[in-house]
C-alpha atoms as a PDB file:
ATOM      1  CA  UNK A   1     -51.976 -29.308  52.408  1.00  0.00           C
ATOM      2  CA  UNK A   2     -55.208 -28.553  54.265  1.00  0.00           C
ATOM      3  CA  UNK A   3     -55.107 -24.948  53.078  1.00  0.00           C
ATOM      4  CA  UNK A   4     -54.685 -26.097  49.488  1.00  0.00           C
ATOM      5  CA  UNK A   5     -57.716 -28.356  49.813  1.00  0.00           C
ATOM      6  CA  UNK A   6     -59.836 -25.675  51.480  1.00  0.00           C
ATOM      7  CA  UNK A   7     -58.960 -22.956  48.972  1.00  0.00           C
ATOM      8  CA  UNK A   8     -58.578 -24.771  45.642  1.00  0.00           C
ATOM      9  CA  UNK A   9     -60.867 -27.799  46.131  1.00  0.00           C
ATOM     10  CA  UNK A  10     -58.714 -30.216  44.066  1.00  0.00           C
ATOM     11  CA  UNK A  11     -59.912 -33.605  42.855  1.00  0.00           C
ATOM     12  CA  UNK A  12     -56.637 -35.205  43.869  1.00  0.00           C
ATOM     13  CA  UNK A  13     -53.267 -34.424  45.411  1.00  0.00           C
ATOM     14  CA  UNK A  14     -50.087 -36.291  44.569  1.00  0.00           C
ATOM     15  CA  UNK A  15     -47.221 -36.596  46.988  1.00  0.00           C
ATOM     16  CA  UNK A  16     -43.763 -37.190  45.603  1.00  0.00           C
ATOM     17  CA  UNK A  17     -40.053 -37.215  46.201  1.00  0.00           C
ATOM     18  CA  UNK A  18     -38.734 -38.469  49.548  1.00  0.00           C
ATOM     19  CA  UNK A  19     -42.221 -38.518  51.113  1.00  0.00           C
ATOM     20  CA  UNK A  20     -42.921 -41.687  49.119  1.00  0.00           C
ATOM     21  CA  UNK A  21     -40.475 -43.589  51.308  1.00  0.00           C
ATOM     22  CA  UNK A  22     -42.978 -43.313  54.191  1.00  0.00           C
ATOM     23  CA  UNK A  23     -45.116 -46.009  52.625  1.00  0.00           C
ATOM     24  CA  UNK A  24     -48.770 -46.700  53.330  1.00  0.00           C
ATOM     25  CA  UNK A  25     -48.430 -45.924  57.044  1.00  0.00           C
ATOM     26  CA  UNK A  26     -47.418 -42.333  56.303  1.00  0.00           C
ATOM     27  CA  UNK A  27     -50.023 -41.921  53.560  1.00  0.00           C
ATOM     28  CA  UNK A  28     -52.797 -43.141  55.872  1.00  0.00           C
ATOM     29  CA  UNK A  29     -51.716 -40.669  58.566  1.00  0.00           C
ATOM     30  CA  UNK A  30     -51.568 -37.797  56.048  1.00  0.00           C
ATOM     31  CA  UNK A  31     -55.084 -38.582  54.834  1.00  0.00           C
ATOM     32  CA  UNK A  32     -56.436 -38.853  58.381  1.00  0.00           C
ATOM     33  CA  UNK A  33     -54.893 -35.547  59.477  1.00  0.00           C
ATOM     34  CA  UNK A  34     -55.889 -33.664  56.332  1.00  0.00           C
ATOM     35  CA  UNK A  35     -59.498 -34.800  56.457  1.00  0.00           C
ATOM     36  CA  UNK A  36     -59.773 -34.000  60.172  1.00  0.00           C
ATOM     37  CA  UNK A  37     -58.521 -30.452  59.597  1.00  0.00           C
ATOM     38  CA  UNK A  38     -60.227 -29.562  56.310  1.00  0.00           C
ATOM     39  CA  UNK A  39     -63.575 -27.800  56.131  1.00  0.00           C
ATOM     40  CA  UNK A  40     -66.386 -30.192  57.110  1.00  0.00           C
ATOM     41  CA  UNK A  41     -68.875 -28.890  54.518  1.00  0.00           C
ATOM     42  CA  UNK A  42     -66.865 -30.187  51.549  1.00  0.00           C
ATOM     43  CA  UNK A  43     -68.910 -32.544  49.381  1.00  0.00           C
ATOM     44  CA  UNK A  44     -66.000 -34.594  48.065  1.00  0.00           C
ATOM     45  CA  UNK A  45     -62.740 -35.541  49.657  1.00  0.00           C
ATOM     46  CA  UNK A  46     -59.812 -35.368  47.238  1.00  0.00           C
ATOM     47  CA  UNK A  47     -57.796 -38.490  46.544  1.00  0.00           C
ATOM     48  CA  UNK A  48     -54.379 -38.249  48.158  1.00  0.00           C
ATOM     49  CA  UNK A  49     -51.864 -40.587  46.587  1.00  0.00           C
ATOM     50  CA  UNK A  50     -48.197 -41.079  45.902  1.00  0.00           C
ATOM     51  CA  UNK A  51     -46.791 -39.986  42.560  1.00  0.00           C
ATOM     52  CA  UNK A  52     -46.143 -42.763  40.063  1.00  0.00           C
ATOM     53  CA  UNK A  53     -42.910 -40.969  39.102  1.00  0.00           C
ATOM     54  CA  UNK A  54     -41.279 -42.024  42.358  1.00  0.00           C
ATOM     55  CA  UNK A  55     -38.544 -40.075  44.080  1.00  0.00           C
ATOM     56  CA  UNK A  56     -37.129 -38.484  40.916  1.00  0.00           C
ATOM     57  CA  UNK A  57     -39.960 -36.016  40.270  1.00  0.00           C
ATOM     58  CA  UNK A  58     -37.717 -32.955  40.574  1.00  0.00           C
ATOM     59  CA  UNK A  59     -35.349 -34.434  38.016  1.00  0.00           C
ATOM     60  CA  UNK A  60     -38.207 -35.078  35.575  1.00  0.00           C
ATOM     61  CA  UNK A  61     -39.467 -31.523  36.062  1.00  0.00           C
ATOM     62  CA  UNK A  62     -36.026 -30.025  35.419  1.00  0.00           C
ATOM     63  CA  UNK A  63     -35.668 -32.128  32.284  1.00  0.00           C
ATOM     64  CA  UNK A  64     -39.084 -31.007  31.042  1.00  0.00           C
ATOM     65  CA  UNK A  65     -38.177 -27.345  31.588  1.00  0.00           C
ATOM     66  CA  UNK A  66     -34.887 -27.781  29.709  1.00  0.00           C
ATOM     67  CA  UNK A  67     -36.550 -29.559  26.773  1.00  0.00           C
ATOM     68  CA  UNK A  68     -39.291 -26.929  26.634  1.00  0.00           C
ATOM     69  CA  UNK A  69     -36.681 -24.145  26.561  1.00  0.00           C
ATOM     70  CA  UNK A  70     -34.735 -25.769  23.727  1.00  0.00           C
ATOM     71  CA  UNK A  71     -37.834 -26.412  21.642  1.00  0.00           C
ATOM     72  CA  UNK A  72     -39.213 -22.900  22.141  1.00  0.00           C
ATOM     73  CA  UNK A  73     -35.860 -21.169  21.517  1.00  0.00           C
ATOM     74  CA  UNK A  74     -34.413 -23.375  18.799  1.00  0.00           C
ATOM     75  CA  UNK A  75     -33.562 -20.457  16.512  1.00  0.00           C
ATOM     76  CA  UNK A  76     -31.464 -18.752  19.228  1.00  0.00           C
ATOM     77  CA  UNK A  77     -29.678 -21.981  20.085  1.00  0.00           C
ATOM     78  CA  UNK A  78     -28.930 -22.814  16.444  1.00  0.00           C
ATOM     79  CA  UNK A  79     -27.496 -19.310  15.921  1.00  0.00           C
ATOM     80  CA  UNK A  80     -25.177 -19.780  18.898  1.00  0.00           C
ATOM     81  CA  UNK A  81     -24.079 -23.172  17.602  1.00  0.00           C
ATOM     82  CA  UNK A  82     -23.355 -21.632  14.200  1.00  0.00           C
ATOM     83  CA  UNK A  83     -21.233 -18.931  15.880  1.00  0.00           C
ATOM     84  CA  UNK A  84     -19.225 -21.559  17.698  1.00  0.00           C
ATOM     85  CA  UNK A  85     -18.555 -23.421  14.434  1.00  0.00           C
ATOM     86  CA  UNK A  86     -17.238 -20.215  12.856  1.00  0.00           C
ATOM     87  CA  UNK A  87     -14.726 -19.661  15.665  1.00  0.00           C
ATOM     88  CA  UNK A  88     -13.272 -23.172  15.429  1.00  0.00           C
END
């Protein structure tokens, strides 16, 4: 995480999935360690926070990819559905 901060200079970093179960104690320790190890000349420290999506972020991402694929390839999918109807 320190390398990401040093290279990309983000405004915020969200932590998700099982890491959320660590609660505020874990988040405080992550912030402390990251800020100790990041470059000292940075003007702003990024906000580090837990994702509001909870522990199901991977599931939401997979769903978004599937929906995006269907919407961007609707003509291919409808052709395949039409082929299946013809064989029945």
